[in-house]
N, C-alpha and C. Protein backbone atom coordinates (compact mmCIF):
# COMPACT_ATOMS: atom_id res chain seq x y z
N MET A 1 6.59 -2.30 17.48
CA MET A 1 5.63 -1.92 16.45
C MET A 1 6.33 -1.05 15.42
N ILE A 2 6.05 -1.30 14.16
CA ILE A 2 6.66 -0.54 13.06
C ILE A 2 5.91 0.78 12.89
N GLN A 3 6.67 1.87 12.83
CA GLN A 3 6.10 3.19 12.61
C GLN A 3 5.91 3.39 11.10
N LEU A 4 4.69 3.25 10.63
CA LEU A 4 4.43 3.28 9.19
C LEU A 4 4.76 4.61 8.55
N ASN A 5 4.58 5.72 9.27
CA ASN A 5 4.84 7.03 8.69
C ASN A 5 6.28 7.17 8.23
N THR A 6 7.21 6.55 8.93
CA THR A 6 8.61 6.68 8.58
C THR A 6 9.18 5.44 7.90
N ALA A 7 8.63 4.28 8.16
CA ALA A 7 9.19 3.03 7.65
C ALA A 7 9.11 2.91 6.13
N PHE A 8 7.97 3.25 5.55
CA PHE A 8 7.78 3.05 4.12
C PHE A 8 8.49 4.09 3.26
N LYS A 9 8.78 5.25 3.83
CA LYS A 9 9.49 6.32 3.12
C LYS A 9 8.86 6.62 1.76
N VAL A 10 7.57 6.84 1.78
CA VAL A 10 6.83 7.14 0.56
C VAL A 10 6.96 8.62 0.25
N ASP A 11 7.35 8.92 -0.99
CA ASP A 11 7.48 10.29 -1.45
C ASP A 11 6.18 10.67 -2.17
N LEU A 12 5.36 11.47 -1.50
CA LEU A 12 4.08 11.85 -2.09
C LEU A 12 4.22 12.97 -3.12
N SER A 13 5.43 13.46 -3.35
CA SER A 13 5.61 14.53 -4.34
C SER A 13 5.38 14.02 -5.76
N ASN A 14 5.45 12.71 -5.97
CA ASN A 14 5.20 12.16 -7.31
C ASN A 14 3.77 11.61 -7.45
N LEU A 15 2.92 11.94 -6.50
CA LEU A 15 1.53 11.49 -6.49
C LEU A 15 0.75 12.18 -7.61
N VAL A 16 0.00 11.39 -8.37
CA VAL A 16 -0.92 11.92 -9.37
C VAL A 16 -2.32 11.48 -8.93
N LYS A 17 -3.13 12.47 -8.57
CA LYS A 17 -4.46 12.17 -8.03
C LYS A 17 -5.53 12.59 -9.04
N GLU A 18 -6.46 11.69 -9.27
CA GLU A 18 -7.60 11.99 -10.12
C GLU A 18 -8.86 11.77 -9.30
N ASP A 19 -10.02 11.76 -9.92
CA ASP A 19 -11.28 11.69 -9.19
C ASP A 19 -11.29 10.63 -8.10
N ASP A 20 -11.29 9.38 -8.48
CA ASP A 20 -11.39 8.29 -7.53
C ASP A 20 -10.16 7.39 -7.58
N SER A 21 -9.03 7.97 -7.93
CA SER A 21 -7.82 7.16 -8.03
C SER A 21 -6.58 8.02 -7.79
N PHE A 22 -5.49 7.34 -7.53
CA PHE A 22 -4.20 8.01 -7.49
C PHE A 22 -3.11 7.01 -7.84
N THR A 23 -2.00 7.56 -8.33
CA THR A 23 -0.86 6.76 -8.75
C THR A 23 0.40 7.41 -8.21
N LEU A 24 1.36 6.59 -7.84
CA LEU A 24 2.65 7.11 -7.42
C LEU A 24 3.72 6.05 -7.66
N THR A 25 4.96 6.49 -7.60
CA THR A 25 6.08 5.58 -7.71
C THR A 25 6.69 5.43 -6.32
N TRP A 26 7.01 4.20 -5.94
CA TRP A 26 7.58 3.92 -4.62
C TRP A 26 8.85 3.11 -4.79
N LYS A 27 9.94 3.63 -4.25
CA LYS A 27 11.19 2.87 -4.20
C LYS A 27 11.24 2.18 -2.84
N VAL A 28 11.31 0.88 -2.89
CA VAL A 28 11.27 0.07 -1.67
C VAL A 28 12.55 0.30 -0.86
N PRO A 29 12.42 0.85 0.36
CA PRO A 29 13.61 1.11 1.17
C PRO A 29 14.32 -0.19 1.56
N GLU A 30 15.63 -0.21 1.41
CA GLU A 30 16.37 -1.42 1.76
C GLU A 30 16.40 -1.65 3.26
N ASP A 31 16.15 -0.60 4.06
CA ASP A 31 16.16 -0.74 5.51
C ASP A 31 14.75 -0.90 6.09
N LEU A 32 13.79 -1.23 5.25
CA LEU A 32 12.41 -1.42 5.71
C LEU A 32 12.38 -2.53 6.76
N PRO A 33 11.84 -2.26 7.95
CA PRO A 33 11.87 -3.25 9.04
C PRO A 33 11.25 -4.60 8.67
N TYR A 34 10.32 -4.63 7.73
CA TYR A 34 9.68 -5.89 7.34
C TYR A 34 10.67 -6.90 6.77
N PHE A 35 11.82 -6.42 6.27
CA PHE A 35 12.81 -7.33 5.69
C PHE A 35 13.59 -8.10 6.76
N GLN A 36 13.58 -7.62 8.00
CA GLN A 36 14.34 -8.27 9.06
C GLN A 36 13.83 -9.69 9.27
N GLY A 37 14.68 -10.65 8.99
CA GLY A 37 14.33 -12.05 9.18
C GLY A 37 13.48 -12.64 8.07
N HIS A 38 13.26 -11.90 7.00
CA HIS A 38 12.38 -12.38 5.91
C HIS A 38 13.06 -12.14 4.57
N PHE A 39 13.96 -12.70 4.17
CA PHE A 39 14.74 -13.82 4.65
C PHE A 39 16.20 -13.39 4.68
N PRO A 40 17.00 -13.92 5.60
CA PRO A 40 18.41 -13.57 5.63
C PRO A 40 19.07 -13.92 4.29
N ASN A 41 19.94 -13.05 3.83
CA ASN A 41 20.70 -13.21 2.58
C ASN A 41 19.89 -13.02 1.31
N GLN A 42 18.57 -13.02 1.40
CA GLN A 42 17.74 -12.75 0.23
C GLN A 42 16.41 -12.15 0.70
N PRO A 43 16.43 -10.86 1.08
CA PRO A 43 15.22 -10.24 1.64
C PRO A 43 14.07 -10.17 0.63
N VAL A 44 12.88 -10.51 1.12
CA VAL A 44 11.64 -10.48 0.35
C VAL A 44 10.61 -9.74 1.20
N LEU A 45 9.91 -8.81 0.58
CA LEU A 45 8.87 -8.08 1.30
C LEU A 45 7.66 -8.98 1.51
N PRO A 46 7.28 -9.23 2.77
CA PRO A 46 6.12 -10.10 3.01
C PRO A 46 4.81 -9.44 2.57
N ALA A 47 3.84 -10.26 2.23
CA ALA A 47 2.54 -9.76 1.78
C ALA A 47 1.89 -8.84 2.80
N VAL A 48 2.05 -9.12 4.07
CA VAL A 48 1.44 -8.27 5.10
C VAL A 48 1.99 -6.84 5.02
N ALA A 49 3.23 -6.68 4.60
CA ALA A 49 3.81 -5.34 4.46
C ALA A 49 3.14 -4.58 3.32
N VAL A 50 2.87 -5.28 2.23
CA VAL A 50 2.19 -4.64 1.10
C VAL A 50 0.78 -4.22 1.52
N ILE A 51 0.11 -5.06 2.25
CA ILE A 51 -1.23 -4.74 2.74
C ILE A 51 -1.18 -3.55 3.71
N ASP A 52 -0.19 -3.51 4.59
CA ASP A 52 -0.01 -2.35 5.47
C ASP A 52 0.24 -1.08 4.66
N LEU A 53 1.06 -1.20 3.63
CA LEU A 53 1.37 -0.04 2.78
C LEU A 53 0.12 0.51 2.11
N VAL A 54 -0.71 -0.37 1.58
CA VAL A 54 -1.95 0.05 0.92
C VAL A 54 -2.80 0.89 1.88
N LEU A 55 -3.00 0.41 3.06
CA LEU A 55 -3.79 1.12 4.06
C LEU A 55 -3.13 2.44 4.44
N HIS A 56 -1.82 2.43 4.60
CA HIS A 56 -1.07 3.63 4.93
C HIS A 56 -1.20 4.68 3.82
N LEU A 57 -1.08 4.28 2.58
CA LEU A 57 -1.17 5.22 1.46
C LEU A 57 -2.53 5.89 1.39
N ILE A 58 -3.58 5.10 1.50
CA ILE A 58 -4.93 5.68 1.43
C ILE A 58 -5.15 6.64 2.59
N SER A 59 -4.69 6.28 3.76
CA SER A 59 -4.83 7.16 4.92
C SER A 59 -4.06 8.46 4.72
N GLN A 60 -2.85 8.37 4.16
CA GLN A 60 -2.03 9.56 3.92
C GLN A 60 -2.66 10.46 2.85
N VAL A 61 -3.08 9.89 1.76
CA VAL A 61 -3.62 10.67 0.65
C VAL A 61 -4.94 11.34 1.03
N HIS A 62 -5.76 10.65 1.82
CA HIS A 62 -7.08 11.19 2.19
C HIS A 62 -7.11 11.83 3.58
N SER A 63 -5.96 11.89 4.22
CA SER A 63 -5.86 12.52 5.55
C SER A 63 -6.94 12.01 6.50
N GLN A 64 -7.12 10.71 6.49
CA GLN A 64 -8.13 10.05 7.33
C GLN A 64 -7.62 8.66 7.67
N ASP A 65 -7.82 8.23 8.90
CA ASP A 65 -7.41 6.88 9.28
C ASP A 65 -8.48 5.88 8.87
N TYR A 66 -8.03 4.77 8.32
CA TYR A 66 -8.92 3.71 7.87
C TYR A 66 -8.49 2.38 8.47
N LYS A 67 -9.41 1.43 8.43
CA LYS A 67 -9.09 0.05 8.75
C LYS A 67 -9.79 -0.81 7.70
N PHE A 68 -9.31 -2.02 7.54
CA PHE A 68 -9.92 -2.92 6.55
C PHE A 68 -11.27 -3.42 7.03
N LYS A 69 -12.25 -3.38 6.15
CA LYS A 69 -13.53 -4.03 6.39
C LYS A 69 -13.39 -5.48 5.92
N ASN A 70 -12.80 -5.65 4.72
CA ASN A 70 -12.49 -6.99 4.21
C ASN A 70 -11.48 -6.89 3.08
N ILE A 71 -10.83 -7.98 2.81
CA ILE A 71 -9.96 -8.08 1.65
C ILE A 71 -10.60 -9.11 0.74
N LYS A 72 -11.10 -8.64 -0.39
CA LYS A 72 -11.84 -9.52 -1.32
C LYS A 72 -10.89 -10.47 -2.04
N SER A 73 -9.75 -9.94 -2.48
CA SER A 73 -8.78 -10.79 -3.16
C SER A 73 -7.39 -10.17 -3.05
N ALA A 74 -6.40 -11.01 -3.10
CA ALA A 74 -5.00 -10.58 -3.09
C ALA A 74 -4.19 -11.55 -3.93
N LYS A 75 -3.55 -11.03 -4.95
CA LYS A 75 -2.73 -11.85 -5.83
C LYS A 75 -1.33 -11.27 -5.85
N PHE A 76 -0.36 -12.09 -5.51
CA PHE A 76 1.04 -11.67 -5.51
C PHE A 76 1.74 -12.45 -6.61
N ALA A 77 2.15 -11.75 -7.67
CA ALA A 77 2.68 -12.40 -8.87
C ALA A 77 4.20 -12.36 -8.95
N ALA A 78 4.83 -11.54 -8.12
CA ALA A 78 6.29 -11.43 -8.17
C ALA A 78 6.82 -11.04 -6.80
N VAL A 79 8.07 -11.33 -6.58
CA VAL A 79 8.75 -10.98 -5.34
C VAL A 79 9.06 -9.48 -5.34
N ILE A 80 8.92 -8.85 -4.17
CA ILE A 80 9.32 -7.46 -3.99
C ILE A 80 10.57 -7.47 -3.13
N SER A 81 11.62 -6.85 -3.66
CA SER A 81 12.93 -6.83 -2.99
C SER A 81 13.34 -5.41 -2.67
N PRO A 82 14.34 -5.25 -1.79
CA PRO A 82 14.84 -3.91 -1.49
C PRO A 82 15.28 -3.19 -2.77
N ASN A 83 15.00 -1.89 -2.81
CA ASN A 83 15.35 -0.99 -3.91
C ASN A 83 14.55 -1.18 -5.19
N ASP A 84 13.56 -2.07 -5.18
CA ASP A 84 12.67 -2.16 -6.35
C ASP A 84 11.92 -0.84 -6.49
N GLU A 85 11.70 -0.44 -7.73
CA GLU A 85 10.86 0.73 -8.00
C GLU A 85 9.53 0.24 -8.53
N LEU A 86 8.47 0.60 -7.83
CA LEU A 86 7.13 0.11 -8.16
C LEU A 86 6.19 1.25 -8.47
N GLU A 87 5.36 1.05 -9.45
CA GLU A 87 4.26 1.98 -9.70
C GLU A 87 3.07 1.44 -8.93
N VAL A 88 2.47 2.30 -8.13
CA VAL A 88 1.33 1.91 -7.30
C VAL A 88 0.10 2.66 -7.80
N GLN A 89 -0.92 1.92 -8.20
CA GLN A 89 -2.17 2.50 -8.68
C GLN A 89 -3.28 2.12 -7.71
N MET A 90 -3.99 3.10 -7.21
CA MET A 90 -5.09 2.86 -6.29
C MET A 90 -6.36 3.46 -6.90
N THR A 91 -7.41 2.66 -6.99
CA THR A 91 -8.66 3.11 -7.59
C THR A 91 -9.83 2.71 -6.71
N TYR A 92 -10.77 3.65 -6.54
CA TYR A 92 -11.96 3.37 -5.74
C TYR A 92 -13.18 3.29 -6.64
N ASN A 93 -13.94 2.20 -6.53
CA ASN A 93 -15.19 2.02 -7.25
C ASN A 93 -16.32 2.34 -6.28
N LYS A 94 -16.91 3.52 -6.45
CA LYS A 94 -17.95 3.97 -5.51
C LYS A 94 -19.16 3.05 -5.50
N SER A 95 -19.60 2.59 -6.67
CA SER A 95 -20.81 1.77 -6.71
C SER A 95 -20.64 0.44 -5.98
N LYS A 96 -19.43 -0.10 -6.00
CA LYS A 96 -19.16 -1.36 -5.30
C LYS A 96 -18.53 -1.15 -3.93
N GLU A 97 -18.20 0.11 -3.60
CA GLU A 97 -17.50 0.44 -2.35
C GLU A 97 -16.26 -0.44 -2.20
N LEU A 98 -15.49 -0.52 -3.29
CA LEU A 98 -14.35 -1.42 -3.36
C LEU A 98 -13.12 -0.69 -3.90
N TRP A 99 -12.02 -0.85 -3.19
CA TRP A 99 -10.73 -0.33 -3.64
C TRP A 99 -10.00 -1.41 -4.42
N SER A 100 -9.22 -0.97 -5.39
CA SER A 100 -8.34 -1.86 -6.14
C SER A 100 -6.94 -1.25 -6.11
N SER A 101 -5.99 -2.07 -5.76
CA SER A 101 -4.60 -1.65 -5.67
C SER A 101 -3.79 -2.51 -6.62
N ILE A 102 -3.02 -1.87 -7.51
CA ILE A 102 -2.19 -2.60 -8.46
C ILE A 102 -0.76 -2.09 -8.34
N PHE A 103 0.18 -3.02 -8.14
CA PHE A 103 1.60 -2.69 -8.09
C PHE A 103 2.24 -3.28 -9.34
N LYS A 104 3.02 -2.44 -10.06
CA LYS A 104 3.74 -2.91 -11.24
C LYS A 104 5.22 -2.56 -11.09
N ASN A 105 6.07 -3.38 -11.70
CA ASN A 105 7.50 -3.09 -11.67
C ASN A 105 7.86 -2.12 -12.79
N LYS A 106 9.15 -1.80 -12.91
CA LYS A 106 9.57 -0.80 -13.91
C LYS A 106 9.30 -1.25 -15.34
N ASP A 107 9.14 -2.56 -15.57
CA ASP A 107 8.80 -3.09 -16.90
C ASP A 107 7.28 -3.15 -17.11
N GLN A 108 6.53 -2.64 -16.13
CA GLN A 108 5.06 -2.64 -16.15
C GLN A 108 4.46 -4.03 -16.00
N ASP A 109 5.23 -4.97 -15.47
CA ASP A 109 4.71 -6.30 -15.16
C ASP A 109 3.97 -6.23 -13.83
N LEU A 110 2.88 -6.99 -13.73
CA LEU A 110 2.11 -7.04 -12.49
C LEU A 110 2.95 -7.66 -11.38
N VAL A 111 3.02 -6.97 -10.24
CA VAL A 111 3.68 -7.49 -9.06
C VAL A 111 2.62 -8.00 -8.08
N CYS A 112 1.60 -7.19 -7.85
CA CYS A 112 0.48 -7.65 -7.02
C CYS A 112 -0.77 -6.84 -7.29
N ARG A 113 -1.90 -7.44 -6.93
CA ARG A 113 -3.21 -6.80 -7.06
C ARG A 113 -4.01 -7.17 -5.82
N ILE A 114 -4.61 -6.15 -5.21
CA ILE A 114 -5.41 -6.37 -4.00
C ILE A 114 -6.73 -5.62 -4.16
N GLN A 115 -7.84 -6.28 -3.86
CA GLN A 115 -9.15 -5.64 -3.83
C GLN A 115 -9.69 -5.73 -2.42
N PHE A 116 -10.23 -4.60 -1.93
CA PHE A 116 -10.61 -4.55 -0.52
C PHE A 116 -11.61 -3.43 -0.27
N SER A 117 -12.26 -3.51 0.89
CA SER A 117 -13.17 -2.48 1.38
C SER A 117 -12.60 -1.92 2.68
N LEU A 118 -12.89 -0.64 2.92
CA LEU A 118 -12.37 0.03 4.11
C LEU A 118 -13.49 0.62 4.94
N LEU A 119 -13.16 0.84 6.20
CA LEU A 119 -14.01 1.59 7.12
C LEU A 119 -13.19 2.75 7.66
N CYS A 120 -13.83 3.89 7.87
CA CYS A 120 -13.15 5.02 8.50
C CYS A 120 -12.93 4.67 9.97
N GLU A 121 -11.71 4.95 10.44
CA GLU A 121 -11.42 4.75 11.86
C GLU A 121 -12.09 5.85 12.66
N GLU A 122 -12.63 5.49 13.78
CA GLU A 122 -13.22 6.46 14.67
C GLU A 122 -12.10 7.19 15.39
N THR A 123 -12.15 8.51 15.41
CA THR A 123 -11.15 9.29 16.12
C THR A 123 -11.73 9.78 17.42
N SER A 124 -10.89 10.27 18.30
CA SER A 124 -11.37 10.76 19.59
C SER A 124 -12.34 11.92 19.40
N ALA A 125 -12.19 12.68 18.31
CA ALA A 125 -13.09 13.82 18.07
C ALA A 125 -14.48 13.36 17.65
N THR A 126 -14.59 12.15 17.08
CA THR A 126 -15.90 11.69 16.62
C THR A 126 -16.56 10.72 17.60
N ARG A 127 -15.86 10.35 18.64
CA ARG A 127 -16.45 9.43 19.64
C ARG A 127 -17.44 10.19 20.51
N SER A 128 -18.51 9.51 20.90
CA SER A 128 -19.47 10.16 21.80
C SER A 128 -19.56 9.45 23.12
């Protein structure tokens, strides 16, 4: 199992948080375990890794564990490779209870967009 806290190597010091959104820059680690076998000689970050990252980021920023309720849409417009620098924008729409995640490259081109709903994970302290 991949340890998300250490695998993604997200630097939260560049986090900009506003009311219902936050933005940060993420440099894709070249030793990210998701690259193993995907693909030899030309590593590409699989979509499942991006989805894991989204969940990890929201959990880290809000200090709460979450799980996906549903993924409404996911569009991957470009390949993510080791050492890419990406701007990650996360926005929550309270009225629709829907998160939107947008990843852009250094040229501000869309890399991916994901819309989804989350549920708070039950912790041992909240179980009855």
